Structure formats: structure tokens, C-alpha cells
Amino acid sequence: MGNYHVGDAMDAAARVFWKLASKRRKNIRELALSVLDEAAESWIGADAEFEDYTDPGQPLGRMIALAFDATPGEMSLNHPEDPFASPWHDGPLSRFFTRYKFC
């Protein structure tokens, strides 16, 4: 069973990010990655539980998409030809989990 505090903390950071980002447009990708790095620092390697926080339509998911260079094709939870594949999970979400060693 994963640690729900990780998901809650990362989601809170994403909500703050989007409030700040609405006022700032330059270097927004770098800002997103920097905020995620800071928020995850105490949780590196955690058995993290995110519920639906990381879905592409949620604040944290949108931030992950931005920080980890999601392509338009990676923004879907479902692959059109393979019901067991997810472009989102195999792409930006995987890069997010790998960077912070979440399991």
C-alpha cells in the first residue's frame, strides 16, 4: 500500500505552481520541473500513491506533462489500438516516476 501523503503533497505543489504560472509565461517548463524537484525531494524512492492526481487533466498531471515534455499523443490514458497500453503511463508519467524513483 502506497503512501498517500506523497500524492497529497505533490498535488498541493502543483496547485500552487498553476497559480504562479498563470502570471508567468517565460521558462515555465523549467519552473514546473524545479517545483516538482523541490516537492519530491523528501519523497525520493517512496512507495507513492497518487490516486487520480497524476491524470493528464488534473493540476499535477498537467504539470507533469509540461515538465516532462509530453507529446500530444502521450496525453491520452488509453491507446486507440491496444486496451492494455497507455501513452500517458508509458510516457510522461513513467519519466516522472523514474526521475523521483517512486515505486
Protein backbone atom coordinates (compact mmCIF):
# COMPACT_ATOMS: atom_id res chain seq x y z
CA MET A 1 0.00 0.00 0.00
CA GLY A 2 1.43 3.33 -1.06
CA ASN A 3 1.95 6.49 0.91
CA TYR A 4 -0.96 8.86 0.24
CA HIS A 5 0.94 11.78 1.78
CA VAL A 6 3.23 11.81 -1.27
CA GLY A 7 0.32 12.30 -3.66
CA ASP A 8 -1.30 14.91 -1.42
CA ALA A 9 1.95 16.90 -1.12
CA MET A 10 2.75 16.74 -4.82
CA ASP A 11 -0.82 17.77 -5.71
CA ALA A 12 -0.60 20.76 -3.34
CA ALA A 13 2.65 21.84 -5.00
CA ALA A 14 1.00 21.56 -8.42
CA ARG A 15 -1.91 23.74 -7.36
CA VAL A 16 0.49 26.45 -6.14
CA PHE A 17 2.50 26.13 -9.34
CA TRP A 18 -0.52 26.73 -11.57
CA LYS A 19 -1.47 29.84 -9.57
CA LEU A 20 2.05 31.21 -10.04
CA ALA A 21 2.34 30.06 -13.65
CA SER A 22 -0.77 31.95 -14.68
CA LYS A 23 1.20 35.15 -14.03
CA ARG A 24 4.45 33.99 -15.64
CA ARG A 25 4.99 32.58 -19.10
CA LYS A 26 8.77 32.55 -19.58
CA ASN A 27 10.71 29.43 -18.64
CA ILE A 28 7.53 27.76 -17.45
CA ARG A 29 8.82 24.23 -18.20
CA GLU A 30 11.91 24.86 -16.07
CA LEU A 31 9.72 26.29 -13.32
CA ALA A 32 7.49 23.20 -13.41
CA LEU A 33 10.46 20.84 -13.15
CA SER A 34 12.01 22.93 -10.37
CA VAL A 35 8.80 22.90 -8.32
CA LEU A 36 8.41 19.14 -8.81
CA ASP A 37 12.04 18.59 -7.78
CA GLU A 38 11.53 20.61 -4.60
CA ALA A 39 8.21 18.95 -3.76
CA ALA A 40 9.63 15.45 -4.33
CA GLU A 41 12.94 15.98 -2.54
CA SER A 42 11.78 14.42 0.75
CA TRP A 43 9.94 11.62 -1.04
CA ILE A 44 12.63 10.25 -3.41
CA GLY A 45 12.22 6.49 -3.64
CA ALA A 46 8.88 6.45 -1.79
CA ASP A 47 6.14 3.94 -2.39
CA ALA A 48 3.90 6.76 -3.59
CA GLU A 49 0.14 6.67 -4.05
CA PHE A 50 -1.32 9.38 -6.28
CA GLU A 51 -4.97 8.35 -6.76
CA ASP A 52 -6.01 10.34 -9.87
CA TYR A 53 -3.77 13.36 -9.14
CA THR A 54 -1.46 12.38 -11.99
CA ASP A 55 -4.18 12.07 -14.64
CA PRO A 56 -3.42 14.46 -17.52
CA GLY A 57 -6.45 16.66 -16.77
CA GLN A 58 -5.55 17.23 -13.10
CA PRO A 59 -3.24 20.05 -11.89
CA LEU A 60 -0.39 17.65 -11.05
CA GLY A 61 -0.89 15.72 -14.29
CA ARG A 62 -0.79 18.93 -16.36
CA MET A 63 2.38 19.92 -14.54
CA ILE A 64 3.95 16.52 -15.23
CA ALA A 65 3.01 16.88 -18.90
CA LEU A 66 4.70 20.27 -19.05
CA ALA A 67 7.81 19.33 -17.06
CA PHE A 68 8.38 16.02 -18.84
CA ASP A 69 7.71 17.22 -22.39
CA ALA A 70 4.54 15.24 -23.10
CA THR A 71 3.72 14.99 -26.77
CA PRO A 72 0.11 15.37 -27.92
CA GLY A 73 -0.02 11.61 -28.48
CA GLU A 74 1.06 10.95 -24.89
CA MET A 75 -1.79 12.95 -23.36
CA SER A 76 -4.24 10.03 -23.52
CA LEU A 77 -4.79 7.45 -20.82
CA ASN A 78 -5.98 4.97 -23.44
CA HIS A 79 -4.25 3.71 -26.55
CA PRO A 80 -6.66 3.64 -29.53
CA GLU A 81 -5.49 0.20 -30.70
CA ASP A 82 -4.36 -1.52 -27.50
CA PRO A 83 -6.65 -1.53 -24.44
CA PHE A 84 -3.73 -2.58 -22.23
CA ALA A 85 -1.43 0.28 -23.28
CA SER A 86 -1.47 3.86 -22.07
CA PRO A 87 0.56 6.54 -23.85
CA TRP A 88 0.32 8.68 -20.71
CA HIS A 89 1.57 5.95 -18.36
CA ASP A 90 4.29 4.78 -20.73
CA GLY A 91 5.44 8.35 -21.49
CA PRO A 92 5.46 11.36 -19.17
CA LEU A 93 4.18 9.53 -16.09
CA SER A 94 6.91 6.92 -16.45
CA ARG A 95 9.53 9.69 -16.79
CA PHE A 96 8.11 11.35 -13.63
CA PHE A 97 8.24 8.09 -11.63
CA THR A 98 11.74 7.33 -12.88
CA ARG A 99 13.14 10.77 -12.00
CA TYR A 100 11.92 10.56 -8.41
CA LYS A 101 12.36 6.79 -8.05
CA PHE A 102 8.73 6.36 -6.99
CA CYS A 103 7.53 2.78 -6.85
